[in-house]
Amino acid sequence: MGEQQPLASHDYVSGSSQDALEFLKRTRSELRMLRFVRVWPDGFRLYDINGDCFEIRGPGLVHG
């Protein structure tokens, strides 16, 4: 079985943190109990106990 495709995705744009926050609030209402988060340098996915997930792409990690 391959990687689960997200139920929905949000493309983060610099300066639009409020839009990303609203997307995360939506995930909280649509996912069951949060199980884990996978983080990559260019995004992250939130997974619930059923394996469903939502994705935010593009926030990037700040390298200091």
N, C-alpha and C. Protein backbone atom coordinates (compact mmCIF):
# COMPACT_ATOMS: atom_id res chain seq x y z
N MET A 1 0.84 -1.17 0.00
CA MET A 1 0.00 0.00 0.00
C MET A 1 0.89 1.24 0.00
N GLY A 2 0.57 2.23 -0.85
CA GLY A 2 1.39 3.42 -0.98
C GLY A 2 1.04 4.50 0.03
N GLU A 3 1.69 5.62 -0.14
CA GLU A 3 1.47 6.78 0.73
C GLU A 3 0.05 7.30 0.57
N GLN A 4 -0.60 7.60 1.68
CA GLN A 4 -1.96 8.14 1.70
C GLN A 4 -1.98 9.52 1.05
N GLN A 5 -2.92 9.76 0.14
CA GLN A 5 -3.08 11.08 -0.46
C GLN A 5 -3.89 11.96 0.48
N PRO A 6 -3.53 13.24 0.61
CA PRO A 6 -4.25 14.13 1.53
C PRO A 6 -5.70 14.34 1.10
N LEU A 7 -6.59 14.49 2.08
CA LEU A 7 -7.98 14.83 1.81
C LEU A 7 -8.06 16.24 1.24
N ALA A 8 -7.16 17.12 1.68
CA ALA A 8 -7.08 18.49 1.17
C ALA A 8 -5.67 19.01 1.42
N SER A 9 -5.27 19.98 0.59
CA SER A 9 -3.95 20.60 0.72
C SER A 9 -4.10 22.11 0.72
N HIS A 10 -3.14 22.76 1.36
CA HIS A 10 -3.10 24.22 1.38
C HIS A 10 -1.70 24.63 0.98
N ASP A 11 -1.59 25.53 0.00
CA ASP A 11 -0.29 26.06 -0.42
C ASP A 11 -0.04 27.36 0.35
N TYR A 12 0.93 27.29 1.25
CA TYR A 12 1.27 28.45 2.08
C TYR A 12 1.96 29.51 1.23
N VAL A 13 1.53 30.76 1.41
CA VAL A 13 2.16 31.90 0.76
C VAL A 13 2.69 32.80 1.86
N SER A 14 3.92 33.25 1.72
CA SER A 14 4.54 34.09 2.74
C SER A 14 3.63 35.26 3.10
N GLY A 15 3.42 35.45 4.39
CA GLY A 15 2.56 36.53 4.86
C GLY A 15 1.11 36.14 5.01
N SER A 16 0.75 34.90 4.66
CA SER A 16 -0.65 34.47 4.76
C SER A 16 -0.83 33.45 5.88
N SER A 17 -0.20 33.70 7.01
CA SER A 17 -0.29 32.74 8.11
C SER A 17 -1.72 32.58 8.62
N GLN A 18 -2.55 33.61 8.50
CA GLN A 18 -3.94 33.51 8.94
C GLN A 18 -4.70 32.48 8.09
N ASP A 19 -4.45 32.44 6.79
CA ASP A 19 -5.09 31.44 5.92
C ASP A 19 -4.66 30.03 6.32
N ALA A 20 -3.38 29.85 6.61
CA ALA A 20 -2.88 28.54 7.04
C ALA A 20 -3.50 28.14 8.37
N LEU A 21 -3.66 29.09 9.27
CA LEU A 21 -4.28 28.81 10.56
C LEU A 21 -5.74 28.38 10.39
N GLU A 22 -6.48 29.03 9.51
CA GLU A 22 -7.87 28.65 9.25
C GLU A 22 -7.93 27.24 8.65
N PHE A 23 -6.98 26.91 7.78
CA PHE A 23 -6.92 25.56 7.21
C PHE A 23 -6.68 24.54 8.31
N LEU A 24 -5.77 24.84 9.24
CA LEU A 24 -5.50 23.92 10.35
C LEU A 24 -6.72 23.76 11.25
N LYS A 25 -7.47 24.82 11.45
CA LYS A 25 -8.70 24.72 12.25
C LYS A 25 -9.69 23.78 11.57
N ARG A 26 -9.76 23.85 10.24
CA ARG A 26 -10.64 22.95 9.49
C ARG A 26 -10.21 21.50 9.68
N THR A 27 -8.91 21.25 9.65
CA THR A 27 -8.43 19.87 9.82
C THR A 27 -8.86 19.33 11.18
N ARG A 28 -8.84 20.19 12.17
CA ARG A 28 -9.22 19.77 13.53
C ARG A 28 -10.67 19.31 13.57
N SER A 29 -11.53 19.94 12.79
CA SER A 29 -12.94 19.56 12.80
C SER A 29 -13.23 18.35 11.92
N GLU A 30 -12.38 18.09 10.91
CA GLU A 30 -12.66 16.99 9.98
C GLU A 30 -11.89 15.70 10.28
N LEU A 31 -10.74 15.80 10.93
CA LEU A 31 -9.99 14.59 11.26
C LEU A 31 -10.46 14.03 12.59
N ARG A 32 -10.27 12.75 12.75
CA ARG A 32 -10.51 12.15 14.06
C ARG A 32 -9.32 12.50 14.95
N MET A 33 -9.10 11.74 15.98
CA MET A 33 -8.00 12.01 16.90
C MET A 33 -6.66 12.05 16.14
N LEU A 34 -5.91 13.13 16.34
CA LEU A 34 -4.62 13.30 15.69
C LEU A 34 -3.67 12.20 16.14
N ARG A 35 -3.02 11.57 15.16
CA ARG A 35 -2.11 10.47 15.47
C ARG A 35 -0.65 10.89 15.37
N PHE A 36 -0.29 11.54 14.25
CA PHE A 36 1.09 12.00 14.09
C PHE A 36 1.18 13.04 12.99
N VAL A 37 2.34 13.70 12.93
CA VAL A 37 2.62 14.72 11.92
C VAL A 37 3.92 14.33 11.24
N ARG A 38 3.94 14.40 9.93
CA ARG A 38 5.18 14.20 9.16
C ARG A 38 5.62 15.56 8.65
N VAL A 39 6.89 15.88 8.89
CA VAL A 39 7.42 17.19 8.53
C VAL A 39 8.55 17.02 7.52
N TRP A 40 8.50 17.80 6.44
CA TRP A 40 9.54 17.87 5.43
C TRP A 40 10.04 19.31 5.38
N PRO A 41 11.18 19.55 4.74
CA PRO A 41 11.66 20.94 4.63
C PRO A 41 10.68 21.87 3.92
N ASP A 42 9.82 21.33 3.07
CA ASP A 42 8.90 22.17 2.30
C ASP A 42 7.42 21.96 2.65
N GLY A 43 7.13 21.35 3.78
CA GLY A 43 5.73 21.18 4.17
C GLY A 43 5.54 20.15 5.27
N PHE A 44 4.27 19.89 5.60
CA PHE A 44 3.97 18.87 6.60
C PHE A 44 2.58 18.31 6.38
N ARG A 45 2.34 17.11 6.93
CA ARG A 45 1.04 16.44 6.88
C ARG A 45 0.60 16.07 8.28
N LEU A 46 -0.68 16.24 8.54
CA LEU A 46 -1.30 15.82 9.80
C LEU A 46 -2.11 14.57 9.53
N TYR A 47 -1.89 13.50 10.30
CA TYR A 47 -2.59 12.23 10.12
C TYR A 47 -3.46 11.94 11.34
N ASP A 48 -4.62 11.30 11.08
CA ASP A 48 -5.46 10.89 12.20
C ASP A 48 -5.35 9.38 12.40
N ILE A 49 -6.12 8.84 13.35
CA ILE A 49 -6.02 7.42 13.68
C ILE A 49 -6.48 6.51 12.56
N ASN A 50 -7.25 7.04 11.59
CA ASN A 50 -7.70 6.25 10.45
C ASN A 50 -6.74 6.32 9.27
N GLY A 51 -5.69 7.14 9.37
CA GLY A 51 -4.74 7.29 8.28
C GLY A 51 -5.09 8.42 7.33
N ASP A 52 -6.22 9.12 7.56
CA ASP A 52 -6.57 10.28 6.74
C ASP A 52 -5.60 11.41 7.05
N CYS A 53 -5.35 12.27 6.06
CA CYS A 53 -4.40 13.35 6.31
C CYS A 53 -4.75 14.62 5.55
N PHE A 54 -4.22 15.73 6.06
CA PHE A 54 -4.27 17.03 5.43
C PHE A 54 -2.83 17.51 5.30
N GLU A 55 -2.59 18.38 4.31
CA GLU A 55 -1.21 18.78 4.01
C GLU A 55 -1.11 20.29 3.85
N ILE A 56 -0.04 20.86 4.38
CA ILE A 56 0.31 22.26 4.11
C ILE A 56 1.67 22.23 3.41
N ARG A 57 1.70 22.84 2.22
CA ARG A 57 2.93 22.86 1.42
C ARG A 57 3.48 24.28 1.37
N GLY A 58 4.80 24.38 1.45
CA GLY A 58 5.46 25.63 1.19
C GLY A 58 5.88 26.50 2.35
N PRO A 59 5.63 26.16 3.63
CA PRO A 59 6.08 27.08 4.66
C PRO A 59 7.60 27.13 4.77
N GLY A 60 8.27 26.05 4.43
CA GLY A 60 9.74 26.01 4.48
C GLY A 60 10.28 26.15 5.89
N LEU A 61 11.44 25.61 6.09
CA LEU A 61 12.11 25.72 7.38
C LEU A 61 13.13 26.85 7.29
N VAL A 62 13.24 27.60 8.35
CA VAL A 62 14.20 28.70 8.39
C VAL A 62 15.56 28.14 8.80
N HIS A 63 16.55 28.39 7.98
CA HIS A 63 17.92 27.95 8.28
C HIS A 63 18.69 29.16 8.79
N GLY A 64 19.24 29.02 10.01
CA GLY A 64 19.90 30.18 10.62
C GLY A 64 21.32 30.25 10.47
